[in-house]
C-alpha atoms as a PDB file:
ATOM      1  CA  UNK A   1       0.000   0.000   0.000  1.00  0.00           C
ATOM      2  CA  UNK A   2       2.850   2.409   0.779  1.00  0.00           C
ATOM      3  CA  UNK A   3       3.897   2.330  -2.878  1.00  0.00           C
ATOM      4  CA  UNK A   4       0.447   3.480  -4.016  1.00  0.00           C
ATOM      5  CA  UNK A   5       0.652   6.848  -2.232  1.00  0.00           C
ATOM      6  CA  UNK A   6       3.521   8.266  -4.322  1.00  0.00           C
ATOM      7  CA  UNK A   7       2.150   6.559  -7.412  1.00  0.00           C
ATOM      8  CA  UNK A   8      -1.171   8.349  -7.148  1.00  0.00           C
ATOM      9  CA  UNK A   9       0.529  11.637  -6.319  1.00  0.00           C
ATOM     10  CA  UNK A  10      -1.011  12.110  -2.875  1.00  0.00           C
ATOM     11  CA  UNK A  11       2.273  13.416  -1.434  1.00  0.00           C
ATOM     12  CA  UNK A  12       2.599  15.896  -4.281  1.00  0.00           C
ATOM     13  CA  UNK A  13      -0.979  17.011  -3.817  1.00  0.00           C
ATOM     14  CA  UNK A  14      -0.462  17.501  -0.068  1.00  0.00           C
ATOM     15  CA  UNK A  15       2.831  19.302  -0.665  1.00  0.00           C
ATOM     16  CA  UNK A  16       1.147  21.659  -3.140  1.00  0.00           C
ATOM     17  CA  UNK A  17      -1.606  22.331  -0.604  1.00  0.00           C
ATOM     18  CA  UNK A  18       1.000  23.306   2.008  1.00  0.00           C
ATOM     19  CA  UNK A  19       2.649  25.506  -0.617  1.00  0.00           C
ATOM     20  CA  UNK A  20      -0.636  27.296  -1.350  1.00  0.00           C
ATOM     21  CA  UNK A  21      -1.215  27.810   2.372  1.00  0.00           C
ATOM     22  CA  UNK A  22       2.324  29.182   2.709  1.00  0.00           C
ATOM     23  CA  UNK A  23       1.707  31.701  -0.066  1.00  0.00           C
ATOM     24  CA  UNK A  24      -1.529  32.795   1.566  1.00  0.00           C
ATOM     25  CA  UNK A  25       0.188  33.154   4.945  1.00  0.00           C
ATOM     26  CA  UNK A  26       2.924  35.221   3.310  1.00  0.00           C
ATOM     27  CA  UNK A  27       0.311  37.519   1.741  1.00  0.00           C
ATOM     28  CA  UNK A  28      -1.139  37.972   5.222  1.00  0.00           C
ATOM     29  CA  UNK A  29       2.360  38.849   6.519  1.00  0.00           C
ATOM     30  CA  UNK A  30       2.496  35.654   8.640  1.00  0.00           C
ATOM     31  CA  UNK A  31       6.034  34.795   7.580  1.00  0.00           C
ATOM     32  CA  UNK A  32       6.671  32.245  10.333  1.00  0.00           C
ATOM     33  CA  UNK A  33       3.543  30.329   9.335  1.00  0.00           C
ATOM     34  CA  UNK A  34       4.522  30.572   5.679  1.00  0.00           C
ATOM     35  CA  UNK A  35       7.952  29.121   6.435  1.00  0.00           C
ATOM     36  CA  UNK A  36       6.441  26.342   8.548  1.00  0.00           C
ATOM     37  CA  UNK A  37       4.039  25.342   5.764  1.00  0.00           C
ATOM     38  CA  UNK A  38       6.838  25.306   3.211  1.00  0.00           C
ATOM     39  CA  UNK A  39       8.857  23.107   5.529  1.00  0.00           C
ATOM     40  CA  UNK A  40       5.937  20.641   5.560  1.00  0.00           C
ATOM     41  CA  UNK A  41       5.772  20.793   1.750  1.00  0.00           C
ATOM     42  CA  UNK A  42       9.501  20.074   1.525  1.00  0.00           C
ATOM     43  CA  UNK A  43       9.156  17.098   3.884  1.00  0.00           C
ATOM     44  CA  UNK A  44       6.558  15.631   1.524  1.00  0.00           C
ATOM     45  CA  UNK A  45       8.353  16.503  -1.718  1.00  0.00           C
ATOM     46  CA  UNK A  46      12.030  17.083  -0.866  1.00  0.00           C
ATOM     47  CA  UNK A  47      13.334  17.458  -4.419  1.00  0.00           C
ATOM     48  CA  UNK A  48      11.115  20.340  -5.535  1.00  0.00           C
ATOM     49  CA  UNK A  49      13.282  23.413  -6.163  1.00  0.00           C
ATOM     50  CA  UNK A  50      10.424  25.904  -6.045  1.00  0.00           C
ATOM     51  CA  UNK A  51       9.585  25.067  -2.430  1.00  0.00           C
ATOM     52  CA  UNK A  52      13.158  25.658  -1.256  1.00  0.00           C
ATOM     53  CA  UNK A  53      13.364  28.874  -3.257  1.00  0.00           C
ATOM     54  CA  UNK A  54      10.111  30.216  -1.814  1.00  0.00           C
ATOM     55  CA  UNK A  55      11.134  29.324   1.727  1.00  0.00           C
ATOM     56  CA  UNK A  56      14.490  30.994   1.103  1.00  0.00           C
ATOM     57  CA  UNK A  57      12.734  34.115  -0.150  1.00  0.00           C
ATOM     58  CA  UNK A  58      10.500  34.204   2.927  1.00  0.00           C
ATOM     59  CA  UNK A  59      13.525  33.731   5.178  1.00  0.00           C
ATOM     60  CA  UNK A  60      15.333  36.523   3.363  1.00  0.00           C
ATOM     61  CA  UNK A  61      12.325  38.774   3.904  1.00  0.00           C
ATOM     62  CA  UNK A  62      12.408  37.754   7.569  1.00  0.00           C
ATOM     63  CA  UNK A  63      16.088  38.742   7.844  1.00  0.00           C
ATOM     64  CA  UNK A  64      17.520  35.224   8.165  1.00  0.00           C
ATOM     65  CA  UNK A  65      20.097  35.509   5.401  1.00  0.00           C
ATOM     66  CA  UNK A  66      22.049  32.365   6.344  1.00  0.00           C
ATOM     67  CA  UNK A  67      19.043  30.051   6.211  1.00  0.00           C
ATOM     68  CA  UNK A  68      17.789  31.801   3.085  1.00  0.00           C
ATOM     69  CA  UNK A  69      21.135  31.185   1.388  1.00  0.00           C
ATOM     70  CA  UNK A  70      21.000  27.496   2.373  1.00  0.00           C
ATOM     71  CA  UNK A  71      17.515  27.177   0.858  1.00  0.00           C
ATOM     72  CA  UNK A  72      18.573  28.922  -2.352  1.00  0.00           C
ATOM     73  CA  UNK A  73      21.605  26.643  -2.699  1.00  0.00           C
ATOM     74  CA  UNK A  74      19.391  23.590  -2.141  1.00  0.00           C
ATOM     75  CA  UNK A  75      16.896  24.808  -4.752  1.00  0.00           C
ATOM     76  CA  UNK A  76      19.681  25.272  -7.281  1.00  0.00           C
ATOM     77  CA  UNK A  77      20.778  21.656  -6.760  1.00  0.00           C
ATOM     78  CA  UNK A  78      17.455  20.614  -8.269  1.00  0.00           C
ATOM     79  CA  UNK A  79      17.125  23.365 -10.866  1.00  0.00           C
ATOM     80  CA  UNK A  80      20.126  25.482 -11.853  1.00  0.00           C
ATOM     81  CA  UNK A  81      17.859  28.155 -13.334  1.00  0.00           C
ATOM     82  CA  UNK A  82      15.275  28.380 -10.562  1.00  0.00           C
ATOM     83  CA  UNK A  83      14.323  32.034 -10.863  1.00  0.00           C
ATOM     84  CA  UNK A  84      13.627  32.890  -7.237  1.00  0.00           C
ATOM     85  CA  UNK A  85      16.713  31.064  -5.943  1.00  0.00           C
ATOM     86  CA  UNK A  86      19.002  32.903  -8.341  1.00  0.00           C
ATOM     87  CA  UNK A  87      17.282  36.196  -7.661  1.00  0.00           C
ATOM     88  CA  UNK A  88      17.581  35.625  -3.910  1.00  0.00           C
ATOM     89  CA  UNK A  89      21.257  34.732  -4.143  1.00  0.00           C
ATOM     90  CA  UNK A  90      21.725  37.818  -6.297  1.00  0.00           C
ATOM     91  CA  UNK A  91      20.074  39.947  -3.624  1.00  0.00           C
ATOM     92  CA  UNK A  92      22.330  38.518  -0.929  1.00  0.00           C
ATOM     93  CA  UNK A  93      25.435  39.085  -3.045  1.00  0.00           C
ATOM     94  CA  UNK A  94      24.260  42.627  -3.858  1.00  0.00           C
ATOM     95  CA  UNK A  95      23.732  43.401  -0.165  1.00  0.00           C
ATOM     96  CA  UNK A  96      27.231  42.040   0.507  1.00  0.00           C
ATOM     97  CA  UNK A  97      28.590  44.265  -2.306  1.00  0.00           C
ATOM     98  CA  UNK A  98      29.833  41.201  -4.138  1.00  0.00           C
ATOM     99  CA  UNK A  99      29.053  42.643  -7.551  1.00  0.00           C
ATOM    100  CA  UNK A 100      30.471  39.826  -9.702  1.00  0.00           C
ATOM    101  CA  UNK A 101      28.522  37.151  -7.843  1.00  0.00           C
ATOM    102  CA  UNK A 102      25.403  39.316  -7.945  1.00  0.00           C
ATOM    103  CA  UNK A 103      25.800  39.696 -11.709  1.00  0.00           C
ATOM    104  CA  UNK A 104      26.157  35.929 -12.132  1.00  0.00           C
ATOM    105  CA  UNK A 105      23.045  35.123 -10.119  1.00  0.00           C
ATOM    106  CA  UNK A 106      20.910  37.888 -11.608  1.00  0.00           C
ATOM    107  CA  UNK A 107      22.044  36.751 -15.065  1.00  0.00           C
ATOM    108  CA  UNK A 108      20.863  33.218 -14.304  1.00  0.00           C
ATOM    109  CA  UNK A 109      17.560  34.626 -12.998  1.00  0.00           C
ATOM    110  CA  UNK A 110      17.268  36.629 -16.226  1.00  0.00           C
ATOM    111  CA  UNK A 111      17.895  33.452 -18.252  1.00  0.00           C
ATOM    112  CA  UNK A 112      14.956  31.852 -16.426  1.00  0.00           C
ATOM    113  CA  UNK A 113      12.648  34.793 -17.189  1.00  0.00           C
ATOM    114  CA  UNK A 114      13.991  37.592 -19.414  1.00  0.00           C
ATOM    115  CA  UNK A 115      10.955  39.818 -18.817  1.00  0.00           C
ATOM    116  CA  UNK A 116      11.060  39.965 -15.012  1.00  0.00           C
ATOM    117  CA  UNK A 117      11.412  43.703 -14.247  1.00  0.00           C
ATOM    118  CA  UNK A 118      13.110  43.312 -10.861  1.00  0.00           C
ATOM    119  CA  UNK A 119      15.885  41.189 -12.337  1.00  0.00           C
ATOM    120  CA  UNK A 120      16.447  43.675 -15.169  1.00  0.00           C
ATOM    121  CA  UNK A 121      16.517  46.515 -12.641  1.00  0.00           C
ATOM    122  CA  UNK A 122      19.118  44.845 -10.450  1.00  0.00           C
ATOM    123  CA  UNK A 123      21.228  43.893 -13.442  1.00  0.00           C
ATOM    124  CA  UNK A 124      21.284  47.598 -14.272  1.00  0.00           C
ATOM    125  CA  UNK A 125      22.358  48.447 -10.726  1.00  0.00           C
ATOM    126  CA  UNK A 126      25.038  45.749 -10.699  1.00  0.00           C
ATOM    127  CA  UNK A 127      26.542  46.973 -13.972  1.00  0.00           C
ATOM    128  CA  UNK A 128      26.532  50.477 -12.517  1.00  0.00           C
ATOM    129  CA  UNK A 129      28.414  49.221  -9.442  1.00  0.00           C
ATOM    130  CA  UNK A 130      30.899  47.576 -11.793  1.00  0.00           C
ATOM    131  CA  UNK A 131      31.386  50.972 -13.509  1.00  0.00           C
ATOM    132  CA  UNK A 132      29.890  49.674 -16.746  1.00  0.00           C
ATOM    133  CA  UNK A 133      27.270  52.399 -17.045  1.00  0.00           C
ATOM    134  CA  UNK A 134      26.831  51.931 -20.793  1.00  0.00           C
ATOM    135  CA  UNK A 135      25.539  48.401 -20.102  1.00  0.00           C
ATOM    136  CA  UNK A 136      23.657  49.600 -16.998  1.00  0.00           C
ATOM    137  CA  UNK A 137      21.618  51.979 -19.181  1.00  0.00           C
ATOM    138  CA  UNK A 138      20.539  49.123 -21.454  1.00  0.00           C
ATOM    139  CA  UNK A 139      19.414  46.940 -18.568  1.00  0.00           C
ATOM    140  CA  UNK A 140      17.624  49.812 -16.863  1.00  0.00           C
ATOM    141  CA  UNK A 141      15.818  50.695 -20.118  1.00  0.00           C
ATOM    142  CA  UNK A 142      14.614  47.101 -20.345  1.00  0.00           C
ATOM    143  CA  UNK A 143      13.510  47.297 -16.707  1.00  0.00           C
ATOM    144  CA  UNK A 144      11.623  50.517 -17.402  1.00  0.00           C
ATOM    145  CA  UNK A 145       9.867  48.915 -20.373  1.00  0.00           C
ATOM    146  CA  UNK A 146       8.991  45.813 -18.336  1.00  0.00           C
ATOM    147  CA  UNK A 147       7.649  47.907 -15.441  1.00  0.00           C
ATOM    148  CA  UNK A 148       5.614  49.979 -17.897  1.00  0.00           C
ATOM    149  CA  UNK A 149       4.193  46.806 -19.468  1.00  0.00           C
ATOM    150  CA  UNK A 150       3.273  45.602 -15.958  1.00  0.00           C
ATOM    151  CA  UNK A 151       1.529  48.939 -15.296  1.00  0.00           C
ATOM    152  CA  UNK A 152       3.999  49.770 -12.497  1.00  0.00           C
ATOM    153  CA  UNK A 153       4.566  53.468 -13.132  1.00  0.00           C
ATOM    154  CA  UNK A 154       6.421  54.150  -9.855  1.00  0.00           C
ATOM    155  CA  UNK A 155       9.162  51.619 -10.583  1.00  0.00           C
ATOM    156  CA  UNK A 156       9.216  52.621 -14.259  1.00  0.00           C
ATOM    157  CA  UNK A 157       9.982  56.204 -13.150  1.00  0.00           C
ATOM    158  CA  UNK A 158      12.727  54.949 -10.812  1.00  0.00           C
ATOM    159  CA  UNK A 159      14.315  53.020 -13.677  1.00  0.00           C
ATOM    160  CA  UNK A 160      14.111  56.124 -15.866  1.00  0.00           C
ATOM    161  CA  UNK A 161      15.810  58.215 -13.156  1.00  0.00           C
ATOM    162  CA  UNK A 162      18.623  55.700 -12.920  1.00  0.00           C
ATOM    163  CA  UNK A 163      19.090  55.835 -16.693  1.00  0.00           C
ATOM    164  CA  UNK A 164      19.525  59.620 -16.538  1.00  0.00           C
ATOM    165  CA  UNK A 165      22.012  59.210 -13.677  1.00  0.00           C
ATOM    166  CA  UNK A 166      24.032  56.660 -15.652  1.00  0.00           C
ATOM    167  CA  UNK A 167      24.014  58.944 -18.709  1.00  0.00           C
ATOM    168  CA  UNK A 168      25.370  61.819 -16.614  1.00  0.00           C
ATOM    169  CA  UNK A 169      28.169  59.602 -15.330  1.00  0.00           C
ATOM    170  CA  UNK A 170      29.063  58.575 -18.872  1.00  0.00           C
ATOM    171  CA  UNK A 171      29.198  62.216 -19.969  1.00  0.00           C
ATOM    172  CA  UNK A 172      31.719  62.982 -17.207  1.00  0.00           C
ATOM    173  CA  UNK A 173      34.159  60.386 -18.557  1.00  0.00           C
END
């Protein structure tokens, strides 16, 4: 009988239910509950990259960078291009001012979804930090376009401001 449970996908179904509950708890700002539910999902389906990545993201939001990093690394064992795991590792590297590592992780996140505005935005910032403002402008323009397409005018304006700043820096050279 034990072999029938995985065969019929009951564990996967239960894991997905915990995942949905975790997302709802996160929306309600109950991060501890969200993390707990993702932990249950991982126990039921331990090789699912998205669960580790989401838990890592929640832990990062909660300020637990070390555990977040561990979750992101685990997610990337199962899927090298897991968007959230690469984005999260990029955020950690960016916060640590490790620009090359941030570029690598944001680039992998971009490969997973080239239209994600946040990734484009941070790629622009990373190239700026690397003093490659000509490339930073291109990434920030893409971010602006993606934010505009997503009807996010506030972030589109921020991306536009950064572009002007990068252009000024290029003129000074």
